[in-house]
Amino acid sequence: MTNRIVAIVLGLAVVATTGGFGRPEAPSWKLLDTGSTARLRGLSAVSDRVAWASGTEGTVVRTADGGRTWRSVGPPGTEALQFRDIEAFDAHHAAILSIGNGEDSRVYLTDDGGRSWTETYRNTDPAAFYDCLAFSDRRHGLALGDPVNGHFQLLATNDGGRHWSPLAADLPPALDGEFAFAASGTCLVAAGRDAWFATGGGASSRVFHSTDGGRRWTVATTPLPSGPSAGIYSLAFRDRTHGLAVGGDYAAPTTAPDGAATTRDGGRTWTVARTVPGEYRSGAAWRNGHDDTAYAVGPTGSDWTRDGGRTWTRFDTGSFDSVACAAGVCWASGEQGRIARLR
């Protein structure tokens, strides 16, 4: 009898932990006080304790204690810039990208937690506009710019962002009106020798893929709708083969038919999710590299999937632009200095 009682108690504990009948409880965001009112579209999760975010008015904020406190560490004199992407390596080292035509597109680097910054790249082409950064490791990174003379622009670094050079890449030509979205710093992602970037704006939304660090690229048409303000806004790859794409139309955020898709072959083919978020989503991230759980966020809410992106379920209606995860801990950021940590 004693053993039966213990088994029953343990069973009830499992049910309580998972929310009843073996089903996990829906996640929820815990809002954190950043002391900022900037729109924080750039987000980089390093660990369960360290995260960085960047945004309007030259803003960069950093936590090293799990989100309990945040320090404003943006470069001085950059209040006119929008830092749409940040890539952090630890509590001390990070690179940020400001977006805009001509000299507004810049890269800054810190190696002391934001106490000082070095400008390591400034665009001088008035026709160029850079959207996203991605690092495959601490040394090798890429920056993506919108098409100039019919081709997307690429920069490369092999010293952790200290120096950047134009990459003479073999790229398929851009479609008329095609560009990338600087919405969450995730239009470009990289891991190892692989890199992917996503587009919209033209006749179709597409995903470009390189397997050699960015020198040669192939391109795949996806089923996500495209238009002047519509397309793929965010990519997330769990490994070399499994990826997510989310997007929609920024100008019509409450409706996004076919606004999420998955790939199981490294981006060669894409399949629309059986159940999509149904609204514009600007950021997506896998919880970790070992299961099928991922999250998507946008200005009208957050969704999660537990089956690798085939079905999505809404769990929050608050506004976020970006989501990032590390060590199984996920963070989100957005307007009015909003940053949250997943419960």
Protein backbone atom coordinates (compact mmCIF):
# COMPACT_ATOMS: atom_id res chain seq x y z
CA MET A 1 0.00 0.00 0.00
CA THR A 2 2.82 2.39 0.83
CA ASN A 3 4.37 1.93 -2.61
CA ARG A 4 0.99 2.55 -4.28
CA ILE A 5 0.54 5.79 -2.33
CA VAL A 6 4.02 6.98 -3.29
CA ALA A 7 3.34 6.19 -6.95
CA ILE A 8 0.05 8.08 -6.88
CA VAL A 9 1.66 11.12 -5.23
CA LEU A 10 4.49 11.13 -7.77
CA GLY A 11 1.98 10.82 -10.61
CA LEU A 12 -0.02 13.77 -9.32
CA ALA A 13 3.17 15.82 -9.06
CA VAL A 14 3.99 15.10 -12.69
CA VAL A 15 0.47 16.09 -13.77
CA ALA A 16 0.67 19.31 -11.76
CA THR A 17 4.05 20.18 -13.22
CA THR A 18 2.91 19.67 -16.81
CA GLY A 19 -0.36 21.51 -16.41
CA GLY A 20 -2.62 18.44 -16.26
CA PHE A 21 -3.01 15.27 -18.33
CA GLY A 22 0.63 15.35 -19.38
CA ARG A 23 0.32 18.57 -21.41
CA PRO A 24 2.97 21.26 -20.79
CA GLU A 25 1.77 24.57 -19.50
CA ALA A 26 1.71 27.36 -22.04
CA PRO A 27 4.69 29.69 -21.70
CA SER A 28 4.36 33.29 -20.57
CA TRP A 29 6.58 36.36 -20.65
CA LYS A 30 7.84 38.06 -17.52
CA LEU A 31 8.42 41.74 -18.29
CA LEU A 32 11.67 43.25 -17.03
CA ASP A 33 12.51 46.85 -16.20
CA THR A 34 15.18 48.11 -18.61
CA GLY A 35 14.81 51.82 -17.83
CA SER A 36 14.62 52.50 -21.57
CA THR A 37 11.85 53.75 -23.86
CA ALA A 38 13.68 52.92 -27.11
CA ARG A 39 12.35 50.40 -29.59
CA LEU A 40 14.65 47.43 -29.14
CA ARG A 41 14.68 45.42 -32.36
CA GLY A 42 18.20 44.02 -31.90
CA LEU A 43 18.46 41.17 -29.39
CA SER A 44 21.21 38.68 -28.55
CA ALA A 45 20.90 35.95 -25.91
CA VAL A 46 24.22 34.67 -24.56
CA SER A 47 23.11 32.57 -21.59
CA ASP A 48 20.52 32.38 -18.84
CA ARG A 49 22.22 35.39 -17.23
CA VAL A 50 23.60 37.48 -20.10
CA ALA A 51 21.59 39.20 -22.84
CA TRP A 52 22.01 42.34 -24.93
CA ALA A 53 19.47 44.46 -26.82
CA SER A 54 19.78 47.45 -29.16
CA GLY A 55 17.50 49.89 -30.89
CA THR A 56 16.54 53.46 -31.61
CA GLU A 57 18.33 56.59 -30.35
CA GLY A 58 21.68 54.79 -30.29
CA THR A 59 20.46 52.54 -27.48
CA VAL A 60 22.23 49.42 -26.24
CA VAL A 61 21.28 47.71 -22.97
CA ARG A 62 22.89 44.72 -21.27
CA THR A 63 22.14 42.43 -18.35
CA ALA A 64 24.56 40.07 -16.63
CA ASP A 65 22.27 38.92 -13.82
CA GLY A 66 19.41 37.21 -15.62
CA GLY A 67 17.48 40.40 -16.33
CA ARG A 68 17.17 41.77 -12.81
CA THR A 69 19.20 44.85 -13.72
CA TRP A 70 20.09 46.46 -17.05
CA ARG A 71 22.87 48.89 -17.95
CA SER A 72 22.60 51.41 -20.78
CA VAL A 73 25.89 51.00 -22.67
CA GLY A 74 25.31 52.49 -26.14
CA PRO A 75 28.10 54.31 -27.98
CA PRO A 76 28.15 58.03 -27.17
CA GLY A 77 27.17 60.42 -29.94
CA THR A 78 25.01 57.90 -31.82
CA GLU A 79 21.58 59.12 -30.72
CA ALA A 80 20.54 59.62 -34.36
CA LEU A 81 21.25 55.95 -35.25
CA GLN A 82 19.03 52.87 -35.11
CA PHE A 83 20.86 49.75 -33.98
CA ARG A 84 18.64 47.09 -35.55
CA ASP A 85 20.98 44.16 -34.91
CA ILE A 86 23.33 43.10 -32.13
CA GLU A 87 25.47 39.98 -31.99
CA ALA A 88 27.01 39.27 -28.58
CA PHE A 89 29.58 36.62 -27.72
CA ASP A 90 29.64 37.00 -23.93
CA ALA A 91 29.13 39.67 -21.26
CA HIS A 92 31.98 41.77 -22.67
CA HIS A 93 32.15 41.31 -26.46
CA ALA A 94 29.44 42.41 -28.92
CA ALA A 95 28.96 43.92 -32.38
CA ILE A 96 26.09 46.22 -33.34
CA LEU A 97 24.74 47.29 -36.72
CA SER A 98 23.00 50.59 -37.40
CA ILE A 99 20.77 50.70 -40.48
CA GLY A 100 20.04 53.31 -43.10
CA ASN A 101 21.18 54.63 -46.45
CA GLY A 102 24.78 55.61 -46.94
CA GLU A 103 26.76 56.43 -43.82
CA ASP A 104 23.92 55.54 -41.46
CA SER A 105 24.86 51.89 -42.03
CA ARG A 106 27.70 51.25 -39.57
CA VAL A 107 29.19 48.54 -37.36
CA TYR A 108 30.52 49.15 -33.84
CA LEU A 109 32.42 46.72 -31.64
CA THR A 110 33.00 46.53 -27.87
CA ASP A 111 35.25 44.24 -25.85
CA ASP A 112 34.62 45.72 -22.41
CA GLY A 113 30.88 45.31 -21.90
CA GLY A 114 29.97 48.54 -23.66
CA ARG A 115 32.14 50.91 -21.66
CA SER A 116 33.84 51.81 -24.95
CA TRP A 117 33.05 51.17 -28.61
CA THR A 118 35.06 51.21 -31.82
CA GLU A 119 33.48 51.98 -35.17
CA THR A 120 34.77 49.20 -37.43
CA TYR A 121 32.76 49.84 -40.58
CA ARG A 122 30.97 52.80 -42.17
CA ASN A 123 29.20 52.42 -45.49
CA THR A 124 30.13 55.05 -48.07
CA ASP A 125 27.85 53.95 -50.93
CA PRO A 126 24.75 56.22 -50.85
CA ALA A 127 22.76 53.49 -52.62
CA ALA A 128 23.55 50.79 -50.05
CA PHE A 129 21.47 49.95 -46.97
CA TYR A 130 22.58 47.21 -44.55
CA ASP A 131 19.99 45.13 -42.72
CA CYS A 132 21.47 42.32 -40.62
CA LEU A 133 24.60 40.80 -39.10
CA ALA A 134 25.34 37.15 -38.39
CA PHE A 135 28.36 35.37 -36.91
CA SER A 136 29.01 31.68 -37.43
CA ASP A 137 31.64 31.74 -34.68
CA ARG A 138 33.57 34.37 -32.73
CA ARG A 139 35.75 35.27 -35.72
CA HIS A 140 33.68 34.82 -38.87
CA GLY A 141 30.71 37.03 -39.66
CA LEU A 142 28.63 38.44 -42.50
CA ALA A 143 26.59 41.60 -43.01
CA LEU A 144 23.75 41.77 -45.53
CA GLY A 145 22.74 44.81 -47.54
CA ASP A 146 19.85 45.45 -49.93
CA PRO A 147 20.46 45.13 -53.67
CA VAL A 148 22.61 47.66 -55.50
CA ASN A 149 22.58 47.33 -59.27
CA GLY A 150 20.49 44.18 -58.99
CA HIS A 151 22.56 42.25 -56.44
CA PHE A 152 22.44 41.95 -52.65
CA GLN A 153 25.47 43.36 -50.84
CA LEU A 154 27.63 41.28 -48.51
CA LEU A 155 30.43 42.18 -46.12
CA ALA A 156 32.66 39.64 -44.37
CA THR A 157 34.91 39.64 -41.32
CA ASN A 158 37.36 36.98 -40.16
CA ASP A 159 38.63 38.75 -37.04
CA GLY A 160 35.48 39.05 -34.94
CA GLY A 161 34.21 42.24 -36.56
CA ARG A 162 37.33 44.37 -36.26
CA HIS A 163 37.64 44.64 -40.03
CA TRP A 164 35.00 44.25 -42.75
CA SER A 165 35.50 43.78 -46.50
CA PRO A 166 33.06 43.53 -49.42
CA LEU A 167 32.55 39.88 -50.30
CA ALA A 168 32.80 39.05 -53.99
CA ALA A 169 30.01 36.50 -53.80
CA ASP A 170 28.40 34.47 -56.56
CA LEU A 171 24.80 35.53 -55.93
CA PRO A 172 21.66 35.00 -58.01
CA PRO A 173 20.30 38.38 -59.13
CA ALA A 174 17.65 40.11 -57.06
CA LEU A 175 14.06 40.34 -58.26
CA ASP A 176 12.55 43.71 -59.06
CA GLY A 177 11.67 45.35 -55.75
CA GLU A 178 13.27 42.59 -53.68
CA PHE A 179 15.02 43.45 -50.39
CA ALA A 180 15.60 42.19 -46.84
CA PHE A 181 13.76 43.37 -43.74
CA ALA A 182 15.72 45.05 -40.92
CA ALA A 183 13.03 44.18 -38.39
CA SER A 184 14.74 41.96 -35.83
CA GLY A 185 18.29 41.30 -36.97
CA THR A 186 17.29 37.82 -38.14
CA CYS A 187 16.95 38.22 -41.89
CA LEU A 188 20.47 36.69 -41.99
CA VAL A 189 21.59 33.68 -39.95
CA ALA A 190 24.80 31.64 -39.96
CA ALA A 191 26.23 28.48 -38.43
CA GLY A 192 29.50 26.87 -39.37
CA ARG A 193 30.00 27.16 -43.12
CA ASP A 194 26.26 27.64 -43.72
CA ALA A 195 24.48 30.96 -44.04
CA TRP A 196 20.94 31.86 -45.07
CA PHE A 197 19.13 35.13 -45.73
CA ALA A 198 15.48 35.88 -46.41
CA THR A 199 13.73 38.43 -48.58
CA GLY A 200 10.44 39.99 -49.59
CA GLY A 201 9.27 43.05 -51.43
CA GLY A 202 9.30 41.47 -54.88
CA ALA A 203 7.15 39.01 -56.77
CA SER A 204 7.99 36.24 -54.27
CA SER A 205 9.67 35.78 -50.92
CA ARG A 206 12.90 33.84 -51.16
CA VAL A 207 15.64 32.24 -49.07
CA PHE A 208 19.27 32.34 -50.19
CA HIS A 209 21.67 29.67 -48.90
CA SER A 210 25.45 29.38 -48.88
CA THR A 211 27.43 26.32 -47.79
CA ASP A 212 30.91 27.88 -48.09
CA GLY A 213 30.82 30.85 -45.76
CA GLY A 214 29.07 33.21 -48.17
CA ARG A 215 31.02 32.95 -51.42
CA ARG A 216 28.49 30.96 -53.48
CA TRP A 217 24.72 31.05 -53.04
CA THR A 218 21.62 29.24 -54.25
CA VAL A 219 18.10 30.59 -53.88
CA ALA A 220 14.70 29.00 -53.21
CA THR A 221 11.26 30.49 -53.70
CA THR A 222 9.01 30.09 -50.66
CA PRO A 223 5.21 30.06 -50.30
CA LEU A 224 5.12 33.05 -47.93
CA PRO A 225 3.31 35.98 -49.60
CA SER A 226 5.47 38.87 -50.79
CA GLY A 227 4.78 42.50 -51.59
CA PRO A 228 6.00 46.07 -51.02
CA SER A 229 5.98 45.55 -47.23
CA ALA A 230 5.48 41.78 -47.10
CA GLY A 231 7.73 38.74 -47.12
CA ILE A 232 9.95 36.76 -44.76
CA TYR A 233 11.03 38.85 -41.79
CA SER A 234 12.87 36.22 -39.77
CA LEU A 235 14.75 32.95 -40.21
CA ALA A 236 15.78 30.45 -37.54
CA PHE A 237 17.74 27.25 -38.13
CA ARG A 238 18.02 24.56 -35.48
CA ASP A 239 20.71 22.72 -37.43
CA ARG A 240 21.85 22.46 -41.07
CA THR A 241 18.52 21.02 -42.26
CA HIS A 242 15.68 22.17 -39.99
CA GLY A 243 14.60 25.78 -40.35
CA LEU A 244 11.72 28.19 -39.75
CA ALA A 245 10.60 31.25 -41.68
CA VAL A 246 8.03 33.74 -40.38
CA GLY A 247 6.76 37.03 -41.73
CA GLY A 248 3.71 38.71 -43.15
CA ASP A 249 2.98 42.33 -43.98
CA TYR A 250 4.19 45.02 -41.61
CA ALA A 251 1.54 47.39 -42.99
CA ALA A 252 -1.25 44.88 -42.21
CA PRO A 253 -0.10 43.25 -38.97
CA THR A 254 -3.37 41.56 -38.00
CA THR A 255 -3.55 39.26 -41.00
CA ALA A 256 -0.83 37.01 -42.40
CA PRO A 257 -2.12 34.06 -44.42
CA ASP A 258 0.62 31.48 -45.00
CA GLY A 259 2.88 33.58 -42.78
CA ALA A 260 5.03 30.72 -41.43
CA ALA A 261 6.85 27.86 -43.13
CA THR A 262 9.35 25.11 -42.39
CA THR A 263 12.19 23.40 -44.20
CA ARG A 264 13.73 20.00 -43.56
CA ASP A 265 16.34 20.10 -46.31
CA GLY A 266 18.43 23.12 -45.43
CA GLY A 267 16.21 25.63 -47.22
CA ARG A 268 15.87 24.02 -50.64
CA THR A 269 12.11 23.55 -50.18
CA TRP A 270 9.62 25.19 -47.82
CA THR A 271 6.19 24.05 -46.57
CA VAL A 272 3.53 26.33 -45.07
CA ALA A 273 2.64 25.45 -41.48
CA ARG A 274 -0.64 23.61 -40.98
CA THR A 275 -1.60 26.19 -38.36
CA VAL A 276 0.09 29.57 -38.79
CA PRO A 277 0.21 32.45 -36.29
CA GLY A 278 -2.17 34.26 -38.66
CA GLU A 279 -0.63 37.67 -37.99
CA TYR A 280 2.61 39.45 -38.89
CA ARG A 281 5.61 38.01 -37.03
CA SER A 282 9.02 39.68 -37.13
CA GLY A 283 11.15 37.31 -35.04
CA ALA A 284 11.56 33.58 -34.49
CA ALA A 285 13.91 31.40 -32.44
CA TRP A 286 14.35 27.76 -31.48
CA ARG A 287 14.47 27.09 -27.75
CA ASN A 288 17.55 24.90 -28.25
CA GLY A 289 19.07 22.57 -30.81
CA HIS A 290 17.64 19.38 -29.37
CA ASP A 291 13.84 19.57 -29.58
CA ASP A 292 10.99 20.90 -31.72
CA THR A 293 10.04 23.89 -29.58
CA ALA A 294 10.30 27.38 -31.05
CA TYR A 295 8.77 30.82 -30.55
CA ALA A 296 7.64 33.63 -32.86
CA VAL A 297 6.88 37.23 -31.90
CA GLY A 298 5.44 40.35 -33.45
CA PRO A 299 3.69 43.58 -32.51
CA THR A 300 0.35 41.79 -32.01
CA GLY A 301 1.47 38.77 -29.99
CA SER A 302 3.62 35.71 -29.45
CA ASP A 303 3.18 32.10 -30.57
CA TRP A 304 4.90 28.82 -29.88
CA THR A 305 5.28 25.49 -31.60
CA ARG A 306 6.14 22.11 -30.09
CA ASP A 307 6.24 20.21 -33.38
CA GLY A 308 9.00 21.95 -35.29
CA GLY A 309 6.83 24.69 -36.79
CA ARG A 310 4.03 22.59 -38.26
CA THR A 311 1.45 24.12 -35.89
CA TRP A 312 1.57 27.37 -33.91
CA THR A 313 -0.43 28.41 -30.82
CA ARG A 314 -0.85 31.96 -29.45
CA PHE A 315 0.24 32.44 -25.84
CA ASP A 316 0.60 36.23 -25.47
CA THR A 317 -0.88 39.39 -27.01
CA GLY A 318 1.83 41.86 -26.03
CA SER A 319 4.06 43.64 -28.54
CA PHE A 320 7.58 42.34 -29.27
CA ASP A 321 9.86 42.58 -32.30
CA SER A 322 12.58 40.05 -31.53
CA VAL A 323 13.09 36.76 -29.71
CA ALA A 324 16.35 34.96 -28.92
CA CYS A 325 17.25 31.90 -26.87
CA ALA A 326 20.39 30.49 -25.26
CA ALA A 327 20.86 27.53 -22.94
CA GLY A 328 17.12 26.87 -23.15
CA VAL A 329 16.28 30.37 -21.84
CA CYS A 330 14.43 32.76 -24.15
CA TRP A 331 14.19 36.54 -24.20
CA ALA A 332 12.04 38.98 -26.21
CA SER A 333 12.39 42.71 -26.92
CA GLY A 334 10.39 45.44 -28.59
CA GLU A 335 8.86 48.90 -28.38
CA GLN A 336 9.04 51.24 -25.38
CA GLY A 337 12.06 49.43 -23.97
CA ARG A 338 10.10 46.20 -23.51
CA ILE A 339 12.23 43.18 -22.66
CA ALA A 340 10.88 39.97 -21.22
CA ARG A 341 12.14 36.58 -20.18
CA LEU A 342 10.16 33.42 -20.79
CA ARG A 343 8.73 31.89 -17.63
